[in-house]
C-alpha atoms as a PDB file:
ATOM      1  CA  UNK A   1     -20.152  -2.221 -28.190  1.00  0.00           C
ATOM      2  CA  UNK A   2     -21.591  -1.268 -24.806  1.00  0.00           C
ATOM      3  CA  UNK A   3     -24.101   1.504 -24.494  1.00  0.00           C
ATOM      4  CA  UNK A   4     -23.430   4.627 -22.386  1.00  0.00           C
ATOM      5  CA  UNK A   5     -25.864   3.428 -19.684  1.00  0.00           C
ATOM      6  CA  UNK A   6     -24.124   0.064 -19.476  1.00  0.00           C
ATOM      7  CA  UNK A   7     -20.767   1.762 -19.119  1.00  0.00           C
ATOM      8  CA  UNK A   8     -22.130   4.081 -16.393  1.00  0.00           C
ATOM      9  CA  UNK A   9     -23.457   1.032 -14.543  1.00  0.00           C
ATOM     10  CA  UNK A  10     -20.105  -0.732 -14.867  1.00  0.00           C
ATOM     11  CA  UNK A  11     -18.260   2.348 -13.524  1.00  0.00           C
ATOM     12  CA  UNK A  12     -20.622   2.456 -10.504  1.00  0.00           C
ATOM     13  CA  UNK A  13     -20.023  -1.267  -9.846  1.00  0.00           C
ATOM     14  CA  UNK A  14     -16.260  -0.764 -10.015  1.00  0.00           C
ATOM     15  CA  UNK A  15     -16.379   2.250  -7.713  1.00  0.00           C
ATOM     16  CA  UNK A  16     -18.362   0.270  -5.163  1.00  0.00           C
ATOM     17  CA  UNK A  17     -15.906  -2.606  -5.397  1.00  0.00           C
ATOM     18  CA  UNK A  18     -13.019  -0.178  -4.869  1.00  0.00           C
ATOM     19  CA  UNK A  19     -14.647   1.241  -1.798  1.00  0.00           C
ATOM     20  CA  UNK A  20     -15.106  -2.242  -0.324  1.00  0.00           C
ATOM     21  CA  UNK A  21     -11.464  -3.146  -1.014  1.00  0.00           C
ATOM     22  CA  UNK A  22     -10.242   0.063   0.609  1.00  0.00           C
ATOM     23  CA  UNK A  23     -12.340  -0.621   3.705  1.00  0.00           C
ATOM     24  CA  UNK A  24     -10.837  -4.096   4.021  1.00  0.00           C
ATOM     25  CA  UNK A  25      -7.280  -2.872   3.599  1.00  0.00           C
ATOM     26  CA  UNK A  26      -7.549   0.405   5.501  1.00  0.00           C
ATOM     27  CA  UNK A  27      -9.950   0.109   8.399  1.00  0.00           C
ATOM     28  CA  UNK A  28      -8.800   3.507   9.734  1.00  0.00           C
ATOM     29  CA  UNK A  29     -10.611   5.186   6.870  1.00  0.00           C
ATOM     30  CA  UNK A  30     -13.775   3.521   8.147  1.00  0.00           C
ATOM     31  CA  UNK A  31     -13.328   5.007  11.662  1.00  0.00           C
ATOM     32  CA  UNK A  32     -11.054   2.365  13.184  1.00  0.00           C
ATOM     33  CA  UNK A  33      -7.720   3.035  14.886  1.00  0.00           C
ATOM     34  CA  UNK A  34      -4.457   3.292  12.949  1.00  0.00           C
ATOM     35  CA  UNK A  35      -1.708   0.673  13.546  1.00  0.00           C
ATOM     36  CA  UNK A  36       1.782   2.063  13.797  1.00  0.00           C
ATOM     37  CA  UNK A  37       5.126   0.362  14.189  1.00  0.00           C
ATOM     38  CA  UNK A  38       6.472   0.416  17.773  1.00  0.00           C
ATOM     39  CA  UNK A  39       8.848   3.218  18.627  1.00  0.00           C
ATOM     40  CA  UNK A  40      12.520   2.196  18.974  1.00  0.00           C
ATOM     41  CA  UNK A  41      13.470   2.553  22.619  1.00  0.00           C
ATOM     42  CA  UNK A  42      17.123   1.601  22.453  1.00  0.00           C
ATOM     43  CA  UNK A  43      19.268   1.691  19.320  1.00  0.00           C
ATOM     44  CA  UNK A  44      22.330  -0.500  18.954  1.00  0.00           C
ATOM     45  CA  UNK A  45      25.717   1.238  18.659  1.00  0.00           C
ATOM     46  CA  UNK A  46      26.859  -1.398  16.135  1.00  0.00           C
ATOM     47  CA  UNK A  47      26.818  -0.364  12.495  1.00  0.00           C
ATOM     48  CA  UNK A  48      26.358  -3.172   9.964  1.00  0.00           C
ATOM     49  CA  UNK A  49      26.893  -2.743   6.265  1.00  0.00           C
ATOM     50  CA  UNK A  50      25.000  -5.646   4.751  1.00  0.00           C
ATOM     51  CA  UNK A  51      24.124  -4.099   1.413  1.00  0.00           C
ATOM     52  CA  UNK A  52      25.035  -6.741  -1.210  1.00  0.00           C
ATOM     53  CA  UNK A  53      24.917  -4.148  -4.018  1.00  0.00           C
ATOM     54  CA  UNK A  54      27.397  -1.708  -2.510  1.00  0.00           C
ATOM     55  CA  UNK A  55      30.394  -2.857  -4.533  1.00  0.00           C
ATOM     56  CA  UNK A  56      28.528  -4.415  -7.428  1.00  0.00           C
ATOM     57  CA  UNK A  57      29.708  -3.344 -10.845  1.00  0.00           C
ATOM     58  CA  UNK A  58      27.034  -1.782 -12.981  1.00  0.00           C
ATOM     59  CA  UNK A  59      26.998  -2.812 -16.636  1.00  0.00           C
ATOM     60  CA  UNK A  60      26.704   0.177 -18.912  1.00  0.00           C
END
């Protein structure tokens, strides 16, 4: 079984690894700019119902 000091060290290592992963995935947290999806300028008037589950029977 691991000692308390070994467990504390492991927690610190995992916290540091988590910080590195967050910085790779979310550069805006590190001071970078945030990327947003482009705003829709013109929306189509056509309505399309392409949900394949709309009329699916649900087994009880």
